[in-house]
C-alpha atoms as a PDB file:
ATOM      1  CA  MET A   1     -10.524  59.610  46.472  1.00  0.00           C
ATOM      2  CA  ARG A   2      -9.186  58.069  43.655  1.00  0.00           C
ATOM      3  CA  GLN A   3      -5.406  59.814  43.656  1.00  0.00           C
ATOM      4  CA  GLN A   4      -5.422  58.497  47.420  1.00  0.00           C
ATOM      5  CA  ALA A   5      -6.359  54.713  46.621  1.00  0.00           C
ATOM      6  CA  LEU A   6      -3.495  54.831  43.592  1.00  0.00           C
ATOM      7  CA  TYR A   7      -1.345  56.128  46.260  1.00  0.00           C
ATOM      8  CA  GLU A   8      -1.866  53.532  48.807  1.00  0.00           C
ATOM      9  CA  ALA A   9      -2.051  50.637  46.015  1.00  0.00           C
ATOM     10  CA  LYS A  10       1.820  51.746  44.913  1.00  0.00           C
ATOM     11  CA  LYS A  11       2.952  51.870  48.429  1.00  0.00           C
ATOM     12  CA  LEU A  12       1.679  48.658  49.216  1.00  0.00           C
ATOM     13  CA  VAL A  13       3.190  46.912  45.714  1.00  0.00           C
ATOM     14  CA  PHE A  14       6.721  49.106  46.768  1.00  0.00           C
ATOM     15  CA  GLN A  15       6.933  47.660  50.455  1.00  0.00           C
ATOM     16  CA  LYS A  16       6.264  43.714  49.789  1.00  0.00           C
ATOM     17  CA  ASN A  17       7.930  41.281  47.351  1.00  0.00           C
ATOM     18  CA  SER A  18       5.313  39.166  46.541  1.00  0.00           C
ATOM     19  CA  GLY A  19       1.903  38.332  45.541  1.00  0.00           C
ATOM     20  CA  VAL A  20      -0.809  36.135  44.053  1.00  0.00           C
ATOM     21  CA  MET A  21      -1.348  35.911  40.881  1.00  0.00           C
ATOM     22  CA  SER A  22      -4.123  33.837  39.397  1.00  0.00           C
ATOM     23  CA  THR A  23      -5.301  32.441  36.225  1.00  0.00           C
ATOM     24  CA  LEU A  24      -8.925  30.953  35.416  1.00  0.00           C
ATOM     25  CA  SER A  25      -9.502  27.272  34.050  1.00  0.00           C
ATOM     26  CA  HIS A  26     -11.041  26.646  30.800  1.00  0.00           C
ATOM     27  CA  ASN A  27     -11.851  23.272  31.939  1.00  0.00           C
ATOM     28  CA  LEU A  28     -12.959  24.244  35.815  1.00  0.00           C
ATOM     29  CA  ARG A  29     -14.816  27.484  35.452  1.00  0.00           C
ATOM     30  CA  GLY A  30     -15.408  29.739  37.795  1.00  0.00           C
ATOM     31  CA  TYR A  31     -12.124  28.209  39.831  1.00  0.00           C
ATOM     32  CA  PRO A  32      -9.107  30.714  39.654  1.00  0.00           C
ATOM     33  CA  PHE A  33      -5.739  29.085  40.055  1.00  0.00           C
ATOM     34  CA  GLY A  34      -3.284  31.333  42.455  1.00  0.00           C
ATOM     35  CA  SER A  35      -0.031  31.144  43.152  1.00  0.00           C
ATOM     36  CA  VAL A  36       2.658  33.305  45.617  1.00  0.00           C
ATOM     37  CA  THR A  37       4.987  34.848  42.993  1.00  0.00           C
ATOM     38  CA  PRO A  38       7.786  36.830  44.010  1.00  0.00           C
ATOM     39  CA  TYR A  39       8.166  40.077  42.452  1.00  0.00           C
ATOM     40  CA  MET A  40      10.456  43.706  42.110  1.00  0.00           C
ATOM     41  CA  CYS A  41      10.020  47.319  41.099  1.00  0.00           C
ATOM     42  CA  ASN A  42      12.408  49.628  39.642  1.00  0.00           C
ATOM     43  CA  GLU A  43      12.222  52.972  39.978  1.00  0.00           C
ATOM     44  CA  GLN A  44       9.835  54.110  37.673  1.00  0.00           C
ATOM     45  CA  GLY A  45       7.343  51.628  39.381  1.00  0.00           C
ATOM     46  CA  ARG A  46       7.147  48.784  36.932  1.00  0.00           C
ATOM     47  CA  ILE A  47       6.792  45.156  38.162  1.00  0.00           C
ATOM     48  CA  TYR A  48       9.197  42.736  37.495  1.00  0.00           C
ATOM     49  CA  PHE A  49       7.670  38.371  38.102  1.00  0.00           C
ATOM     50  CA  LEU A  50      10.220  35.677  38.692  1.00  0.00           C
ATOM     51  CA  LEU A  51       8.757  33.257  36.868  1.00  0.00           C
ATOM     52  CA  VAL A  52      10.362  29.489  37.092  1.00  0.00           C
ATOM     53  CA  ILE A  53       9.563  27.154  34.845  1.00  0.00           C
END
């Protein structure tokens, strides 16, 4: 079962090019802040995020 879940997760990551990255606030406890973030994967499966500051 675990190997199948890992396979499905990797498949999903390779099929898409964006996801939601979230952080938690120290000031507003319990409220996550999320942003849609583009990413790309290389042949080894490493994920690279594009962060614009």
